[in-house]
Amino acid sequence: MTGTNFQCGLEAVLAILGGKWKPLIVYHLAGGPRRTGELRRLVTGVSEKMLIQHLKELTEDGVIRRIDFQKVPPHVEYDLTGFGRSLAQVLAPLCEWGTRHTAEVAMIVQKRDGAAKTA
């Protein structure tokens, strides 16, 4: 894959959702608009810096929209666009797969982490 010459649709998806946190952000926004602090609690392990960076990128890419209520103290929410909702719909089956295979994935990750420590 170079530039925008995608060889398959998955490359196009990864160009938008690449990274550890973006799929989780989109998944949680599928439940409705969320404030930054709420997303930080839902996306376990993400730093505030990375969350803000990914929210900015997803906004620039047209996946989410930033809603500023122009209040003091600041009140900002993020919500999926139509484009983002279409993306969230394809994440749902991945979530279901992960739920069905949680035990197997946990064993794989544990094995991988153990191998990395001994290497």
N, C-alpha and C. Protein backbone atom coordinates (compact mmCIF):
# COMPACT_ATOMS: atom_id res chain seq x y z
N MET A 1 0.85 -1.18 0.00
CA MET A 1 0.00 0.00 0.00
C MET A 1 0.89 1.24 0.00
N THR A 2 0.67 2.11 -0.94
CA THR A 2 1.39 3.37 -0.98
C THR A 2 0.40 4.49 -1.21
N GLY A 3 0.51 5.55 -0.41
CA GLY A 3 -0.39 6.68 -0.59
C GLY A 3 -1.84 6.27 -0.49
N THR A 4 -2.58 6.51 -1.57
CA THR A 4 -4.00 6.15 -1.58
C THR A 4 -4.29 5.05 -2.59
N ASN A 5 -3.26 4.34 -2.99
CA ASN A 5 -3.43 3.24 -3.93
C ASN A 5 -3.62 1.95 -3.14
N PHE A 6 -4.85 1.74 -2.63
CA PHE A 6 -5.12 0.58 -1.79
C PHE A 6 -5.29 -0.67 -2.65
N GLN A 7 -4.62 -1.74 -2.24
CA GLN A 7 -4.73 -3.01 -2.96
C GLN A 7 -5.97 -3.79 -2.55
N CYS A 8 -6.48 -3.50 -1.34
CA CYS A 8 -7.73 -4.14 -0.90
C CYS A 8 -8.44 -3.21 0.08
N GLY A 9 -9.69 -3.48 0.32
CA GLY A 9 -10.50 -2.64 1.20
C GLY A 9 -9.99 -2.57 2.62
N LEU A 10 -9.37 -3.65 3.09
CA LEU A 10 -8.85 -3.66 4.46
C LEU A 10 -7.76 -2.60 4.63
N GLU A 11 -6.97 -2.39 3.60
CA GLU A 11 -5.95 -1.34 3.66
C GLU A 11 -6.60 0.03 3.83
N ALA A 12 -7.72 0.25 3.17
CA ALA A 12 -8.44 1.52 3.30
C ALA A 12 -8.96 1.69 4.73
N VAL A 13 -9.50 0.61 5.30
CA VAL A 13 -10.00 0.67 6.67
C VAL A 13 -8.85 0.98 7.63
N LEU A 14 -7.72 0.31 7.46
CA LEU A 14 -6.59 0.52 8.35
C LEU A 14 -5.99 1.92 8.20
N ALA A 15 -6.14 2.53 7.03
CA ALA A 15 -5.68 3.91 6.85
C ALA A 15 -6.46 4.86 7.76
N ILE A 16 -7.70 4.52 8.05
CA ILE A 16 -8.54 5.33 8.93
C ILE A 16 -8.44 4.87 10.38
N LEU A 17 -8.46 3.56 10.61
CA LEU A 17 -8.54 3.01 11.97
C LEU A 17 -7.23 2.45 12.49
N GLY A 18 -6.12 2.73 11.80
CA GLY A 18 -4.84 2.19 12.25
C GLY A 18 -4.51 2.65 13.66
N GLY A 19 -3.90 1.78 14.42
CA GLY A 19 -3.54 2.10 15.79
C GLY A 19 -4.37 1.32 16.79
N LYS A 20 -3.91 1.35 18.01
CA LYS A 20 -4.52 0.56 19.08
C LYS A 20 -5.84 1.15 19.57
N TRP A 21 -5.98 2.46 19.57
CA TRP A 21 -7.09 3.10 20.26
C TRP A 21 -8.25 3.51 19.37
N LYS A 22 -8.02 3.79 18.12
CA LYS A 22 -9.09 4.31 17.26
C LYS A 22 -10.29 3.37 17.15
N PRO A 23 -10.09 2.06 16.96
CA PRO A 23 -11.27 1.18 16.89
C PRO A 23 -12.09 1.22 18.18
N LEU A 24 -11.41 1.31 19.33
CA LEU A 24 -12.13 1.37 20.61
C LEU A 24 -12.89 2.68 20.76
N ILE A 25 -12.31 3.77 20.30
CA ILE A 25 -13.00 5.06 20.36
C ILE A 25 -14.26 5.01 19.51
N VAL A 26 -14.14 4.52 18.29
CA VAL A 26 -15.31 4.41 17.40
C VAL A 26 -16.35 3.49 18.01
N TYR A 27 -15.91 2.36 18.55
CA TYR A 27 -16.84 1.41 19.18
C TYR A 27 -17.65 2.08 20.29
N HIS A 28 -16.97 2.81 21.16
CA HIS A 28 -17.68 3.45 22.28
C HIS A 28 -18.56 4.60 21.83
N LEU A 29 -18.19 5.28 20.77
CA LEU A 29 -19.04 6.35 20.26
C LEU A 29 -20.28 5.81 19.55
N ALA A 30 -20.26 4.53 19.19
CA ALA A 30 -21.45 3.93 18.57
C ALA A 30 -22.62 3.93 19.54
N GLY A 31 -22.34 4.02 20.83
CA GLY A 31 -23.39 4.08 21.84
C GLY A 31 -23.97 5.47 22.02
N GLY A 32 -23.46 6.45 21.30
CA GLY A 32 -23.96 7.82 21.40
C GLY A 32 -22.85 8.79 21.74
N PRO A 33 -23.17 10.08 21.73
CA PRO A 33 -22.17 11.11 22.01
C PRO A 33 -21.52 10.91 23.38
N ARG A 34 -20.23 11.21 23.44
CA ARG A 34 -19.48 11.05 24.70
C ARG A 34 -18.57 12.26 24.90
N ARG A 35 -18.37 12.60 26.15
CA ARG A 35 -17.41 13.64 26.51
C ARG A 35 -16.01 13.01 26.57
N THR A 36 -15.00 13.85 26.51
CA THR A 36 -13.62 13.38 26.51
C THR A 36 -13.31 12.53 27.75
N GLY A 37 -13.70 13.01 28.91
CA GLY A 37 -13.43 12.27 30.15
C GLY A 37 -14.12 10.92 30.17
N GLU A 38 -15.31 10.87 29.64
CA GLU A 38 -16.04 9.60 29.57
C GLU A 38 -15.32 8.61 28.66
N LEU A 39 -14.85 9.10 27.51
CA LEU A 39 -14.09 8.24 26.60
C LEU A 39 -12.80 7.75 27.26
N ARG A 40 -12.16 8.62 28.02
CA ARG A 40 -10.91 8.22 28.68
C ARG A 40 -11.16 7.08 29.66
N ARG A 41 -12.29 7.11 30.36
CA ARG A 41 -12.62 6.02 31.28
C ARG A 41 -12.99 4.75 30.54
N LEU A 42 -13.68 4.89 29.41
CA LEU A 42 -14.13 3.72 28.65
C LEU A 42 -13.00 3.03 27.90
N VAL A 43 -12.08 3.81 27.36
CA VAL A 43 -10.95 3.27 26.59
C VAL A 43 -9.80 3.03 27.57
N THR A 44 -9.85 1.91 28.23
CA THR A 44 -8.93 1.58 29.31
C THR A 44 -7.48 1.58 28.82
N GLY A 45 -6.65 2.33 29.53
CA GLY A 45 -5.22 2.33 29.23
C GLY A 45 -4.74 3.45 28.33
N VAL A 46 -5.64 4.17 27.69
CA VAL A 46 -5.22 5.25 26.79
C VAL A 46 -4.81 6.47 27.63
N SER A 47 -3.71 7.10 27.23
CA SER A 47 -3.31 8.34 27.90
C SER A 47 -4.16 9.48 27.36
N GLU A 48 -4.23 10.55 28.13
CA GLU A 48 -5.01 11.70 27.68
C GLU A 48 -4.43 12.26 26.38
N LYS A 49 -3.10 12.30 26.29
CA LYS A 49 -2.44 12.81 25.08
C LYS A 49 -2.83 12.00 23.85
N MET A 50 -2.78 10.67 23.95
CA MET A 50 -3.12 9.82 22.81
C MET A 50 -4.60 9.92 22.47
N LEU A 51 -5.45 9.99 23.49
CA LEU A 51 -6.89 10.13 23.23
C LEU A 51 -7.17 11.40 22.45
N ILE A 52 -6.61 12.52 22.91
CA ILE A 52 -6.83 13.80 22.23
C ILE A 52 -6.30 13.74 20.80
N GLN A 53 -5.13 13.15 20.61
CA GLN A 53 -4.54 13.04 19.27
C GLN A 53 -5.46 12.23 18.35
N HIS A 54 -5.94 11.09 18.83
CA HIS A 54 -6.80 10.24 18.00
C HIS A 54 -8.16 10.89 17.75
N LEU A 55 -8.70 11.59 18.74
CA LEU A 55 -9.96 12.30 18.51
C LEU A 55 -9.78 13.36 17.43
N LYS A 56 -8.67 14.06 17.47
CA LYS A 56 -8.39 15.08 16.45
C LYS A 56 -8.28 14.44 15.07
N GLU A 57 -7.54 13.33 14.96
CA GLU A 57 -7.36 12.66 13.67
C GLU A 57 -8.69 12.11 13.15
N LEU A 58 -9.48 11.49 14.02
CA LEU A 58 -10.78 10.95 13.59
C LEU A 58 -11.72 12.07 13.15
N THR A 59 -11.61 13.23 13.80
CA THR A 59 -12.41 14.39 13.40
C THR A 59 -11.97 14.88 12.03
N GLU A 60 -10.66 15.02 11.84
CA GLU A 60 -10.12 15.47 10.55
C GLU A 60 -10.47 14.50 9.43
N ASP A 61 -10.55 13.21 9.74
CA ASP A 61 -10.87 12.19 8.74
C ASP A 61 -12.37 12.07 8.47
N GLY A 62 -13.19 12.81 9.22
CA GLY A 62 -14.63 12.78 8.99
C GLY A 62 -15.34 11.59 9.62
N VAL A 63 -14.67 10.90 10.55
CA VAL A 63 -15.26 9.75 11.21
C VAL A 63 -16.13 10.20 12.38
N ILE A 64 -15.67 11.22 13.09
CA ILE A 64 -16.42 11.76 14.22
C ILE A 64 -16.54 13.27 14.07
N ARG A 65 -17.44 13.83 14.85
CA ARG A 65 -17.55 15.30 14.87
C ARG A 65 -17.41 15.77 16.31
N ARG A 66 -16.81 16.91 16.46
CA ARG A 66 -16.61 17.53 17.77
C ARG A 66 -17.72 18.56 17.96
N ILE A 67 -18.44 18.43 19.06
CA ILE A 67 -19.54 19.34 19.35
C ILE A 67 -19.13 20.19 20.55
N ASP A 68 -18.93 21.48 20.32
CA ASP A 68 -18.55 22.41 21.38
C ASP A 68 -19.78 23.21 21.78
N PHE A 69 -20.21 23.06 23.02
CA PHE A 69 -21.42 23.71 23.50
C PHE A 69 -21.18 25.16 23.93
N GLN A 70 -19.96 25.66 23.77
CA GLN A 70 -19.62 27.05 24.08
C GLN A 70 -20.09 27.45 25.48
N LYS A 71 -19.75 26.61 26.46
CA LYS A 71 -20.12 26.88 27.84
C LYS A 71 -18.88 27.01 28.70
N VAL A 72 -19.07 27.62 29.87
CA VAL A 72 -18.03 27.68 30.88
C VAL A 72 -18.58 26.98 32.11
N PRO A 73 -17.92 25.94 32.63
CA PRO A 73 -16.70 25.34 32.10
C PRO A 73 -16.95 24.68 30.74
N PRO A 74 -15.87 24.42 30.00
CA PRO A 74 -16.03 23.86 28.65
C PRO A 74 -16.83 22.56 28.65
N HIS A 75 -17.69 22.43 27.67
CA HIS A 75 -18.49 21.22 27.47
C HIS A 75 -18.36 20.83 26.00
N VAL A 76 -17.60 19.75 25.77
CA VAL A 76 -17.37 19.26 24.42
C VAL A 76 -17.76 17.80 24.38
N GLU A 77 -18.44 17.40 23.32
CA GLU A 77 -18.78 16.00 23.10
C GLU A 77 -18.31 15.58 21.72
N TYR A 78 -18.15 14.28 21.56
CA TYR A 78 -17.79 13.70 20.27
C TYR A 78 -18.88 12.72 19.88
N ASP A 79 -19.20 12.70 18.59
CA ASP A 79 -20.24 11.81 18.08
C ASP A 79 -19.80 11.30 16.71
N LEU A 80 -20.32 10.15 16.33
CA LEU A 80 -20.01 9.60 15.02
C LEU A 80 -20.75 10.36 13.92
N THR A 81 -20.10 10.52 12.80
CA THR A 81 -20.75 11.03 11.59
C THR A 81 -21.43 9.83 10.91
N GLY A 82 -22.12 10.06 9.82
CA GLY A 82 -22.68 8.95 9.05
C GLY A 82 -21.58 8.00 8.58
N PHE A 83 -20.48 8.58 8.13
CA PHE A 83 -19.31 7.79 7.71
C PHE A 83 -18.80 6.95 8.88
N GLY A 84 -18.73 7.56 10.05
CA GLY A 84 -18.27 6.85 11.24
C GLY A 84 -19.23 5.76 11.68
N ARG A 85 -20.54 6.01 11.56
CA ARG A 85 -21.53 4.98 11.92
C ARG A 85 -21.39 3.77 11.00
N SER A 86 -21.11 4.01 9.72
CA SER A 86 -20.93 2.88 8.81
C SER A 86 -19.69 2.07 9.20
N LEU A 87 -18.68 2.74 9.71
CA LEU A 87 -17.47 2.06 10.17
C LEU A 87 -17.75 1.29 11.46
N ALA A 88 -18.51 1.88 12.36
CA ALA A 88 -18.85 1.21 13.63
C ALA A 88 -19.63 -0.08 13.37
N GLN A 89 -20.45 -0.09 12.34
CA GLN A 89 -21.23 -1.29 12.02
C GLN A 89 -20.34 -2.47 11.66
N VAL A 90 -19.21 -2.22 11.03
CA VAL A 90 -18.32 -3.33 10.69
C VAL A 90 -17.43 -3.73 11.86
N LEU A 91 -17.32 -2.87 12.87
CA LEU A 91 -16.56 -3.23 14.07
C LEU A 91 -17.36 -4.17 14.97
N ALA A 92 -18.68 -4.09 14.91
CA ALA A 92 -19.53 -4.92 15.78
C ALA A 92 -19.24 -6.41 15.62
N PRO A 93 -19.14 -6.95 14.40
CA PRO A 93 -18.81 -8.38 14.27
C PRO A 93 -17.42 -8.72 14.84
N LEU A 94 -16.46 -7.80 14.74
CA LEU A 94 -15.15 -8.05 15.34
C LEU A 94 -15.26 -8.14 16.85
N CYS A 95 -16.09 -7.29 17.43
CA CYS A 95 -16.32 -7.33 18.87
C CYS A 95 -16.95 -8.66 19.28
N GLU A 96 -17.92 -9.10 18.50
CA GLU A 96 -18.57 -10.39 18.77
C GLU A 96 -17.57 -11.53 18.68
N TRP A 97 -16.70 -11.49 17.67
CA TRP A 97 -15.67 -12.52 17.52
C TRP A 97 -14.77 -12.52 18.75
N GLY A 98 -14.34 -11.33 19.19
CA GLY A 98 -13.49 -11.23 20.36
C GLY A 98 -14.15 -11.77 21.62
N THR A 99 -15.44 -11.52 21.75
CA THR A 99 -16.18 -12.05 22.90
C THR A 99 -16.23 -13.57 22.87
N ARG A 100 -16.47 -14.14 21.70
CA ARG A 100 -16.53 -15.60 21.56
C ARG A 100 -15.18 -16.26 21.82
N HIS A 101 -14.10 -15.58 21.50
CA HIS A 101 -12.76 -16.18 21.56
C HIS A 101 -11.88 -15.57 22.65
N THR A 102 -12.50 -14.98 23.67
CA THR A 102 -11.72 -14.32 24.73
C THR A 102 -10.70 -15.25 25.37
N ALA A 103 -11.10 -16.46 25.71
CA ALA A 103 -10.19 -17.39 26.39
C ALA A 103 -9.00 -17.73 25.51
N GLU A 104 -9.25 -18.04 24.24
CA GLU A 104 -8.15 -18.38 23.33
C GLU A 104 -7.20 -17.20 23.14
N VAL A 105 -7.77 -16.01 22.98
CA VAL A 105 -6.94 -14.83 22.78
C VAL A 105 -6.11 -14.55 24.03
N ALA A 106 -6.70 -14.73 25.20
CA ALA A 106 -5.96 -14.52 26.45
C ALA A 106 -4.77 -15.46 26.54
N MET A 107 -4.96 -16.72 26.15
CA MET A 107 -3.85 -17.68 26.18
C MET A 107 -2.76 -17.30 25.18
N ILE A 108 -3.16 -16.86 24.01
CA ILE A 108 -2.19 -16.45 22.98
C ILE A 108 -1.37 -15.26 23.47
N VAL A 109 -2.05 -14.26 24.04
CA VAL A 109 -1.36 -13.06 24.52
C VAL A 109 -0.43 -13.42 25.67
N GLN A 110 -0.89 -14.28 26.58
CA GLN A 110 -0.06 -14.70 27.70
C GLN A 110 1.19 -15.44 27.20
N LYS A 111 1.00 -16.31 26.23
CA LYS A 111 2.13 -17.05 25.66
C LYS A 111 3.11 -16.10 24.97
N ARG A 112 2.57 -15.16 24.21
CA ARG A 112 3.41 -14.19 23.51
C ARG A 112 4.19 -13.33 24.50
N ASP A 113 3.50 -12.86 25.55
CA ASP A 113 4.17 -12.03 26.55
C ASP A 113 5.26 -12.81 27.27
N GLY A 114 5.00 -14.09 27.55
CA GLY A 114 6.01 -14.94 28.19
C GLY A 114 7.22 -15.15 27.30
N ALA A 115 6.98 -15.35 26.01
CA ALA A 115 8.07 -15.54 25.05
C ALA A 115 8.90 -14.27 24.92
N ALA A 116 8.25 -13.12 24.97
CA ALA A 116 8.96 -11.85 24.84
C ALA A 116 9.87 -11.60 26.05
N LYS A 117 9.43 -12.04 27.23
CA LYS A 117 10.23 -11.84 28.44
C LYS A 117 11.47 -12.72 28.45
N THR A 118 11.38 -13.90 27.84
CA THR A 118 12.53 -14.81 27.83
C THR A 118 13.49 -14.53 26.68
N ALA A 119 13.08 -13.73 25.73
CA ALA A 119 13.92 -13.44 24.56
C ALA A 119 14.97 -12.40 24.86
